[in-house]
């Protein structure tokens, strides 16, 4: 594997910072909006439903950003352990192109396809 691990580490740290900042921005926006309006009784039902949907979407985005942050931390640990770029399922090298696209990937493409197909 020709991946320069110091460069990859910096990329992962940068990516983690961006995801965590995005999650924090979502939380900050919800806080600024007061989340659901305290005057919900005065709102039209559709407005209230729209606010609830926005809140659910924001929560999902925040959860996703935090999960990716954990996956990035695990990738950083694999760099330290010397196992970065090795498929955790079959032990083969993960192609550099895949790691360029998803630097925190733990599965090679074959194993990822099998996982998605439920095998």
Protein backbone atom coordinates (compact mmCIF):
# COMPACT_ATOMS: atom_id res chain seq x y z
CA UNK A 1 0.00 0.00 0.00
CA UNK A 2 1.39 3.36 -0.98
CA UNK A 3 -0.75 5.48 1.32
CA UNK A 4 1.30 8.00 3.26
CA UNK A 5 -0.10 7.40 6.75
CA UNK A 6 0.81 10.83 8.14
CA UNK A 7 -1.06 12.47 5.29
CA UNK A 8 -4.02 10.11 5.80
CA UNK A 9 -4.00 10.88 9.55
CA UNK A 10 -4.22 14.63 8.82
CA UNK A 11 -7.04 14.01 6.33
CA UNK A 12 -8.95 11.95 8.87
CA UNK A 13 -8.48 14.54 11.62
CA UNK A 14 -9.67 17.26 9.24
CA UNK A 15 -12.67 15.20 8.20
CA UNK A 16 -13.59 14.43 11.82
CA UNK A 17 -13.42 18.12 12.69
CA UNK A 18 -15.73 19.01 9.78
CA UNK A 19 -18.29 16.34 10.73
CA UNK A 20 -18.28 17.27 14.40
CA UNK A 21 -18.55 20.97 13.56
CA UNK A 22 -21.51 20.19 11.28
CA UNK A 23 -23.18 18.24 14.11
CA UNK A 24 -22.57 21.13 16.50
CA UNK A 25 -24.01 23.60 13.98
CA UNK A 26 -27.19 21.53 13.85
CA UNK A 27 -27.44 21.57 17.65
CA UNK A 28 -26.76 25.32 17.73
CA UNK A 29 -29.42 25.98 15.09
CA UNK A 30 -31.97 23.96 17.06
CA UNK A 31 -31.10 25.85 20.22
CA UNK A 32 -31.35 29.23 18.48
CA UNK A 33 -34.75 28.32 17.05
CA UNK A 34 -35.92 27.28 20.49
CA UNK A 35 -36.53 23.83 19.02
CA UNK A 36 -40.29 23.46 18.97
CA UNK A 37 -42.06 26.72 19.43
CA UNK A 38 -43.29 27.23 22.96
CA UNK A 39 -46.43 28.63 21.44
CA UNK A 40 -47.19 25.40 19.60
CA UNK A 41 -50.84 25.78 20.58
CA UNK A 42 -50.98 28.97 18.52
CA UNK A 43 -49.45 27.31 15.46
CA UNK A 44 -51.26 25.78 12.58
CA UNK A 45 -51.06 21.99 12.74
CA UNK A 46 -49.06 21.84 9.47
CA UNK A 47 -46.50 24.33 10.82
CA UNK A 48 -46.09 22.26 13.97
CA UNK A 49 -45.70 19.06 11.91
CA UNK A 50 -43.12 20.77 9.71
CA UNK A 51 -41.11 21.84 12.78
CA UNK A 52 -41.22 18.29 14.14
CA UNK A 53 -40.04 16.86 10.81
CA UNK A 54 -37.17 19.38 10.67
CA UNK A 55 -36.19 18.40 14.19
CA UNK A 56 -36.20 14.70 13.34
CA UNK A 57 -34.08 15.28 10.22
CA UNK A 58 -31.64 17.41 12.22
CA UNK A 59 -31.40 14.69 14.85
CA UNK A 60 -30.67 12.06 12.21
CA UNK A 61 -28.00 14.25 10.61
CA UNK A 62 -26.41 14.90 13.99
CA UNK A 63 -26.42 11.18 14.85
CA UNK A 64 -24.87 10.35 11.47
CA UNK A 65 -22.12 12.95 11.91
CA UNK A 66 -21.31 11.59 15.36
CA UNK A 67 -21.21 8.00 14.05
CA UNK A 68 -18.81 9.00 11.28
CA UNK A 69 -16.72 10.74 13.94
CA UNK A 70 -16.49 7.43 15.84
CA UNK A 71 -15.58 5.59 12.63
CA UNK A 72 -12.84 8.13 11.95
CA UNK A 73 -11.49 7.68 15.48
CA UNK A 74 -11.39 3.92 14.88
CA UNK A 75 -9.48 4.51 11.60
CA UNK A 76 -6.95 6.64 13.50
CA UNK A 77 -6.55 3.80 16.00
CA UNK A 78 -5.95 1.37 13.11
CA UNK A 79 -3.23 3.68 11.79
CA UNK A 80 -1.57 3.58 15.23
CA UNK A 81 -1.94 -0.20 15.39
CA UNK A 82 -0.55 -0.71 11.89
CA UNK A 83 -3.74 -2.29 10.56
CA UNK A 84 -5.11 0.66 8.58
CA UNK A 85 -6.10 -0.31 5.05
CA UNK A 86 -6.65 -3.97 5.87
CA UNK A 87 -10.16 -5.39 5.55
CA UNK A 88 -11.39 -6.42 9.00
CA UNK A 89 -13.41 -9.25 7.44
CA UNK A 90 -11.08 -11.01 4.98
CA UNK A 91 -7.69 -9.49 5.80
CA UNK A 92 -7.00 -8.31 2.24
CA UNK A 93 -5.75 -4.83 1.48
CA UNK A 94 -8.47 -2.25 0.89
CA UNK A 95 -7.78 -0.57 -2.46
CA UNK A 96 -6.31 2.90 -2.14
CA UNK A 97 -9.10 4.28 -4.34
CA UNK A 98 -11.68 3.08 -1.82
CA UNK A 99 -9.73 4.65 1.04
CA UNK A 100 -9.49 7.88 -0.94
CA UNK A 101 -13.28 7.90 -1.22
CA UNK A 102 -14.03 6.60 2.31
CA UNK A 103 -10.87 7.01 4.40
CA UNK A 104 -12.47 5.34 7.44
CA UNK A 105 -13.56 2.22 5.49
CA UNK A 106 -13.03 -1.08 7.30
CA UNK A 107 -14.15 -3.42 4.52
CA UNK A 108 -12.85 -4.05 1.02
CA UNK A 109 -15.41 -3.68 -1.76
CA UNK A 110 -16.16 -7.41 -1.96
CA UNK A 111 -16.87 -7.67 1.75
CA UNK A 112 -18.87 -4.43 1.73
CA UNK A 113 -21.05 -5.76 -1.10
CA UNK A 114 -21.62 -9.00 0.81
CA UNK A 115 -22.57 -7.02 3.91
CA UNK A 116 -25.05 -4.91 1.95
CA UNK A 117 -26.56 -8.01 0.35
CA UNK A 118 -26.97 -9.57 3.79
CA UNK A 119 -24.63 -12.48 3.25
